[in-house]
């Protein structure tokens, strides 16, 4: 006759296993809620469409935005949700109270020429490219794409000056592709 032994589950072990599973489900739920809140109210994700910010940003890049910023400064890269089907991604050149002017494709803010290492344009065709001197009103931004020859921005009548209320957020990181992961300047 075979010696059959029935395995009896230890109630303490069973309770411990149940609590361990419950702990993991609780932690996963809390993490999911926190990430959802962060991505809704603090950070946002956006993809780059087109080449207007080349060589800083490329078509297909995925960006992480800080949507808590309310004060912008020259040099910030912002995402604007207005005017077009896709959000615009542009660099802030001048803020409210600044003067801005473009002479022979060179940008002047408050009568000082900007050193724009990021800007791309065909220098052979730069002569004669002007934008009349204006004062940016408080609460507005003058924005340009880094790829000036292929950018629709504040120089264009249909875009014009950007209300700070139309800014979705400031670009903080490029998160895709992995080779370009890092902060965006």
C-alpha atoms as a PDB file:
ATOM      1  CA  UNK A   1       0.000   0.000   0.000  1.00  0.00           C
ATOM      2  CA  UNK A   2       1.294   3.353  -0.956  1.00  0.00           C
ATOM      3  CA  UNK A   3       1.899   5.931   1.610  1.00  0.00           C
ATOM      4  CA  UNK A   4      -0.209   8.883   0.476  1.00  0.00           C
ATOM      5  CA  UNK A   5       0.346  12.105   2.157  1.00  0.00           C
ATOM      6  CA  UNK A   6      -1.901  15.012   1.677  1.00  0.00           C
ATOM      7  CA  UNK A   7      -0.215  18.310   1.655  1.00  0.00           C
ATOM      8  CA  UNK A   8      -1.816  20.633   4.081  1.00  0.00           C
ATOM      9  CA  UNK A   9      -1.444  24.295   3.320  1.00  0.00           C
ATOM     10  CA  UNK A  10      -0.083  26.222   6.162  1.00  0.00           C
ATOM     11  CA  UNK A  11      -2.554  29.060   6.900  1.00  0.00           C
ATOM     12  CA  UNK A  12       0.305  31.395   7.790  1.00  0.00           C
ATOM     13  CA  UNK A  13       2.062  30.803   4.441  1.00  0.00           C
ATOM     14  CA  UNK A  14      -1.201  31.234   2.556  1.00  0.00           C
ATOM     15  CA  UNK A  15      -1.912  34.518   4.362  1.00  0.00           C
ATOM     16  CA  UNK A  16       1.647  35.732   3.651  1.00  0.00           C
ATOM     17  CA  UNK A  17       1.294  34.933  -0.077  1.00  0.00           C
ATOM     18  CA  UNK A  18      -2.039  36.751  -0.213  1.00  0.00           C
ATOM     19  CA  UNK A  19      -0.593  39.834   1.492  1.00  0.00           C
ATOM     20  CA  UNK A  20       2.440  39.840  -0.817  1.00  0.00           C
ATOM     21  CA  UNK A  21       0.213  39.815  -3.919  1.00  0.00           C
ATOM     22  CA  UNK A  22      -2.025  42.482  -2.366  1.00  0.00           C
ATOM     23  CA  UNK A  23       1.038  44.660  -1.599  1.00  0.00           C
ATOM     24  CA  UNK A  24       2.292  44.417  -5.193  1.00  0.00           C
ATOM     25  CA  UNK A  25      -1.127  45.267  -6.628  1.00  0.00           C
ATOM     26  CA  UNK A  26      -1.413  48.240  -4.256  1.00  0.00           C
ATOM     27  CA  UNK A  27       2.056  49.550  -5.163  1.00  0.00           C
ATOM     28  CA  UNK A  28       1.391  49.119  -8.903  1.00  0.00           C
ATOM     29  CA  UNK A  29      -1.936  50.963  -8.580  1.00  0.00           C
ATOM     30  CA  UNK A  30      -0.384  53.868  -6.685  1.00  0.00           C
ATOM     31  CA  UNK A  31       2.468  54.142  -9.224  1.00  0.00           C
ATOM     32  CA  UNK A  32      -0.038  54.137 -12.102  1.00  0.00           C
ATOM     33  CA  UNK A  33      -2.105  56.907 -10.486  1.00  0.00           C
ATOM     34  CA  UNK A  34       1.003  59.029  -9.738  1.00  0.00           C
ATOM     35  CA  UNK A  35       2.372  58.642 -13.294  1.00  0.00           C
ATOM     36  CA  UNK A  36      -1.037  59.500 -14.768  1.00  0.00           C
ATOM     37  CA  UNK A  37      -1.298  62.634 -12.628  1.00  0.00           C
ATOM     38  CA  UNK A  38       2.256  63.698 -13.501  1.00  0.00           C
ATOM     39  CA  UNK A  39       1.683  63.205 -17.238  1.00  0.00           C
ATOM     40  CA  UNK A  40      -1.623  65.078 -17.029  1.00  0.00           C
ATOM     41  CA  UNK A  41      -0.701  68.084 -14.899  1.00  0.00           C
ATOM     42  CA  UNK A  42       3.095  68.422 -14.718  1.00  0.00           C
ATOM     43  CA  UNK A  43       4.607  66.795 -17.806  1.00  0.00           C
ATOM     44  CA  UNK A  44       3.324  66.073 -21.286  1.00  0.00           C
ATOM     45  CA  UNK A  45       4.620  64.070 -24.215  1.00  0.00           C
ATOM     46  CA  UNK A  46       4.674  65.409 -27.771  1.00  0.00           C
ATOM     47  CA  UNK A  47       6.131  64.292 -31.082  1.00  0.00           C
ATOM     48  CA  UNK A  48       8.031  66.466 -33.551  1.00  0.00           C
ATOM     49  CA  UNK A  49       6.368  66.821 -36.961  1.00  0.00           C
ATOM     50  CA  UNK A  50       8.431  68.380 -39.743  1.00  0.00           C
ATOM     51  CA  UNK A  51      11.841  70.003 -39.980  1.00  0.00           C
ATOM     52  CA  UNK A  52      11.280  73.569 -38.724  1.00  0.00           C
ATOM     53  CA  UNK A  53      13.482  72.977 -35.646  1.00  0.00           C
ATOM     54  CA  UNK A  54      16.256  71.046 -37.409  1.00  0.00           C
ATOM     55  CA  UNK A  55      19.113  70.557 -36.316  1.00  0.00           C
ATOM     56  CA  UNK A  56      18.036  70.908 -32.673  1.00  0.00           C
ATOM     57  CA  UNK A  57      15.026  68.608 -33.091  1.00  0.00           C
ATOM     58  CA  UNK A  58      14.233  66.115 -35.839  1.00  0.00           C
ATOM     59  CA  UNK A  59      11.034  64.762 -37.350  1.00  0.00           C
ATOM     60  CA  UNK A  60       9.899  61.841 -35.198  1.00  0.00           C
ATOM     61  CA  UNK A  61      11.643  62.924 -31.983  1.00  0.00           C
ATOM     62  CA  UNK A  62       9.532  62.452 -28.846  1.00  0.00           C
ATOM     63  CA  UNK A  63       9.746  65.215 -26.271  1.00  0.00           C
ATOM     64  CA  UNK A  64       8.909  65.594 -22.596  1.00  0.00           C
ATOM     65  CA  UNK A  65       7.430  68.996 -21.723  1.00  0.00           C
ATOM     66  CA  UNK A  66       7.118  70.790 -18.423  1.00  0.00           C
ATOM     67  CA  UNK A  67       3.604  72.200 -18.419  1.00  0.00           C
ATOM     68  CA  UNK A  68       4.062  74.021 -15.104  1.00  0.00           C
ATOM     69  CA  UNK A  69       6.206  76.840 -16.505  1.00  0.00           C
ATOM     70  CA  UNK A  70       4.416  80.174 -16.731  1.00  0.00           C
ATOM     71  CA  UNK A  71       7.382  82.458 -17.360  1.00  0.00           C
ATOM     72  CA  UNK A  72       9.354  81.958 -20.551  1.00  0.00           C
ATOM     73  CA  UNK A  73      12.690  83.394 -21.565  1.00  0.00           C
ATOM     74  CA  UNK A  74      14.663  83.834 -24.739  1.00  0.00           C
ATOM     75  CA  UNK A  75      16.117  80.511 -25.851  1.00  0.00           C
ATOM     76  CA  UNK A  76      13.371  78.304 -24.383  1.00  0.00           C
ATOM     77  CA  UNK A  77      11.857  75.799 -26.793  1.00  0.00           C
ATOM     78  CA  UNK A  78       8.096  75.766 -26.363  1.00  0.00           C
ATOM     79  CA  UNK A  79       5.121  73.870 -27.721  1.00  0.00           C
ATOM     80  CA  UNK A  80       2.214  76.015 -28.873  1.00  0.00           C
ATOM     81  CA  UNK A  81      -1.286  74.635 -29.263  1.00  0.00           C
ATOM     82  CA  UNK A  82      -2.854  77.089 -31.680  1.00  0.00           C
ATOM     83  CA  UNK A  83      -3.166  77.950 -35.347  1.00  0.00           C
ATOM     84  CA  UNK A  84      -2.516  74.532 -36.884  1.00  0.00           C
ATOM     85  CA  UNK A  85      -3.678  70.927 -36.642  1.00  0.00           C
ATOM     86  CA  UNK A  86      -0.375  69.874 -35.070  1.00  0.00           C
ATOM     87  CA  UNK A  87       1.155  71.786 -32.169  1.00  0.00           C
ATOM     88  CA  UNK A  88       3.954  74.160 -33.151  1.00  0.00           C
ATOM     89  CA  UNK A  89       7.404  73.664 -31.631  1.00  0.00           C
ATOM     90  CA  UNK A  90       9.476  76.855 -31.724  1.00  0.00           C
ATOM     91  CA  UNK A  91      12.252  78.725 -29.925  1.00  0.00           C
ATOM     92  CA  UNK A  92      11.392  81.834 -27.902  1.00  0.00           C
ATOM     93  CA  UNK A  93      13.362  84.759 -29.322  1.00  0.00           C
ATOM     94  CA  UNK A  94      11.776  87.682 -27.483  1.00  0.00           C
ATOM     95  CA  UNK A  95       9.332  88.060 -24.596  1.00  0.00           C
ATOM     96  CA  UNK A  96       6.904  90.828 -23.653  1.00  0.00           C
ATOM     97  CA  UNK A  97       8.610  94.207 -23.452  1.00  0.00           C
ATOM     98  CA  UNK A  98      11.507  93.253 -25.772  1.00  0.00           C
ATOM     99  CA  UNK A  99      12.060  94.771 -29.199  1.00  0.00           C
ATOM    100  CA  UNK A 100      12.820  92.410 -32.055  1.00  0.00           C
ATOM    101  CA  UNK A 101      14.073  93.099 -35.557  1.00  0.00           C
ATOM    102  CA  UNK A 102      15.534  90.994 -38.379  1.00  0.00           C
ATOM    103  CA  UNK A 103      18.100  92.546 -40.753  1.00  0.00           C
ATOM    104  CA  UNK A 104      19.685  90.437 -43.496  1.00  0.00           C
ATOM    105  CA  UNK A 105      18.475  87.324 -41.663  1.00  0.00           C
ATOM    106  CA  UNK A 106      20.266  88.362 -38.450  1.00  0.00           C
ATOM    107  CA  UNK A 107      18.030  88.651 -35.385  1.00  0.00           C
ATOM    108  CA  UNK A 108      18.316  91.602 -33.025  1.00  0.00           C
ATOM    109  CA  UNK A 109      16.626  91.698 -29.627  1.00  0.00           C
ATOM    110  CA  UNK A 110      16.730  95.010 -27.781  1.00  0.00           C
ATOM    111  CA  UNK A 111      19.149  96.249 -30.491  1.00  0.00           C
ATOM    112  CA  UNK A 112      21.650  93.447 -29.774  1.00  0.00           C
ATOM    113  CA  UNK A 113      22.440  90.803 -32.364  1.00  0.00           C
ATOM    114  CA  UNK A 114      21.632  87.314 -31.108  1.00  0.00           C
ATOM    115  CA  UNK A 115      24.375  84.710 -31.319  1.00  0.00           C
ATOM    116  CA  UNK A 116      22.341  81.831 -32.649  1.00  0.00           C
ATOM    117  CA  UNK A 117      24.526  78.730 -32.919  1.00  0.00           C
ATOM    118  CA  UNK A 118      21.353  76.665 -33.379  1.00  0.00           C
ATOM    119  CA  UNK A 119      19.886  78.638 -36.313  1.00  0.00           C
ATOM    120  CA  UNK A 120      20.100  77.271 -39.847  1.00  0.00           C
ATOM    121  CA  UNK A 121      19.455  79.311 -42.978  1.00  0.00           C
ATOM    122  CA  UNK A 122      20.870  79.752 -46.436  1.00  0.00           C
ATOM    123  CA  UNK A 123      23.391  82.545 -45.892  1.00  0.00           C
ATOM    124  CA  UNK A 124      23.694  83.105 -49.672  1.00  0.00           C
ATOM    125  CA  UNK A 125      20.070  84.247 -49.740  1.00  0.00           C
ATOM    126  CA  UNK A 126      20.188  86.160 -46.437  1.00  0.00           C
ATOM    127  CA  UNK A 127      20.521  89.650 -47.907  1.00  0.00           C
ATOM    128  CA  UNK A 128      17.259  91.489 -47.975  1.00  0.00           C
ATOM    129  CA  UNK A 129      15.549  89.369 -45.318  1.00  0.00           C
ATOM    130  CA  UNK A 130      13.983  91.866 -42.975  1.00  0.00           C
ATOM    131  CA  UNK A 131      11.397  91.931 -40.257  1.00  0.00           C
ATOM    132  CA  UNK A 132      10.415  95.400 -39.165  1.00  0.00           C
ATOM    133  CA  UNK A 133      11.329  96.363 -35.606  1.00  0.00           C
ATOM    134  CA  UNK A 134       8.456  95.757 -33.184  1.00  0.00           C
ATOM    135  CA  UNK A 135       7.907  95.792 -29.452  1.00  0.00           C
ATOM    136  CA  UNK A 136       6.532  92.487 -28.197  1.00  0.00           C
ATOM    137  CA  UNK A 137       3.487  93.246 -25.992  1.00  0.00           C
ATOM    138  CA  UNK A 138       3.362  91.917 -22.411  1.00  0.00           C
ATOM    139  CA  UNK A 139       1.885  88.436 -22.327  1.00  0.00           C
ATOM    140  CA  UNK A 140       3.188  87.561 -25.816  1.00  0.00           C
ATOM    141  CA  UNK A 141       6.214  85.808 -27.309  1.00  0.00           C
ATOM    142  CA  UNK A 142       8.074  86.183 -30.599  1.00  0.00           C
ATOM    143  CA  UNK A 143       9.087  82.681 -31.721  1.00  0.00           C
ATOM    144  CA  UNK A 144      11.166  81.301 -34.587  1.00  0.00           C
ATOM    145  CA  UNK A 145      12.009  77.845 -35.846  1.00  0.00           C
ATOM    146  CA  UNK A 146      15.710  76.966 -35.831  1.00  0.00           C
ATOM    147  CA  UNK A 147      15.523  75.956 -39.504  1.00  0.00           C
ATOM    148  CA  UNK A 148      14.627  79.470 -40.645  1.00  0.00           C
ATOM    149  CA  UNK A 149      14.155  78.678 -44.340  1.00  0.00           C
ATOM    150  CA  UNK A 150      11.571  75.991 -43.525  1.00  0.00           C
ATOM    151  CA  UNK A 151       9.696  77.412 -40.555  1.00  0.00           C
ATOM    152  CA  UNK A 152       6.292  78.963 -40.171  1.00  0.00           C
ATOM    153  CA  UNK A 153       6.619  81.201 -37.115  1.00  0.00           C
ATOM    154  CA  UNK A 154       6.120  84.734 -35.746  1.00  0.00           C
ATOM    155  CA  UNK A 155       7.395  86.203 -39.035  1.00  0.00           C
ATOM    156  CA  UNK A 156       4.275  84.889 -40.749  1.00  0.00           C
ATOM    157  CA  UNK A 157       0.969  86.750 -40.555  1.00  0.00           C
ATOM    158  CA  UNK A 158      -1.035  83.606 -39.890  1.00  0.00           C
ATOM    159  CA  UNK A 159       1.113  82.757 -36.841  1.00  0.00           C
ATOM    160  CA  UNK A 160       2.312  86.147 -35.594  1.00  0.00           C
ATOM    161  CA  UNK A 161       3.009  86.808 -31.936  1.00  0.00           C
ATOM    162  CA  UNK A 162       2.110  84.001 -29.550  1.00  0.00           C
ATOM    163  CA  UNK A 163       0.035  84.563 -26.422  1.00  0.00           C
ATOM    164  CA  UNK A 164       1.634  82.892 -23.394  1.00  0.00           C
ATOM    165  CA  UNK A 165      -1.822  81.361 -22.802  1.00  0.00           C
ATOM    166  CA  UNK A 166      -1.342  79.315 -25.996  1.00  0.00           C
ATOM    167  CA  UNK A 167       1.887  77.711 -24.760  1.00  0.00           C
ATOM    168  CA  UNK A 168       1.360  74.098 -23.722  1.00  0.00           C
ATOM    169  CA  UNK A 169       4.785  73.781 -22.114  1.00  0.00           C
ATOM    170  CA  UNK A 170       8.542  74.153 -22.283  1.00  0.00           C
ATOM    171  CA  UNK A 171      10.562  71.318 -23.825  1.00  0.00           C
ATOM    172  CA  UNK A 172      12.728  69.655 -21.167  1.00  0.00           C
ATOM    173  CA  UNK A 173      13.991  66.355 -22.630  1.00  0.00           C
ATOM    174  CA  UNK A 174      14.139  64.435 -25.854  1.00  0.00           C
ATOM    175  CA  UNK A 175      13.136  60.893 -24.860  1.00  0.00           C
ATOM    176  CA  UNK A 176      13.146  59.250 -28.301  1.00  0.00           C
ATOM    177  CA  UNK A 177      15.133  58.064 -30.159  1.00  0.00           C
ATOM    178  CA  UNK A 178      17.446  56.673 -27.483  1.00  0.00           C
ATOM    179  CA  UNK A 179      20.552  58.024 -29.233  1.00  0.00           C
ATOM    180  CA  UNK A 180      19.205  61.582 -28.772  1.00  0.00           C
ATOM    181  CA  UNK A 181      17.963  61.117 -25.178  1.00  0.00           C
ATOM    182  CA  UNK A 182      18.795  64.084 -22.976  1.00  0.00           C
ATOM    183  CA  UNK A 183      18.008  67.694 -22.179  1.00  0.00           C
ATOM    184  CA  UNK A 184      17.147  70.021 -25.042  1.00  0.00           C
ATOM    185  CA  UNK A 185      18.804  73.435 -25.336  1.00  0.00           C
END
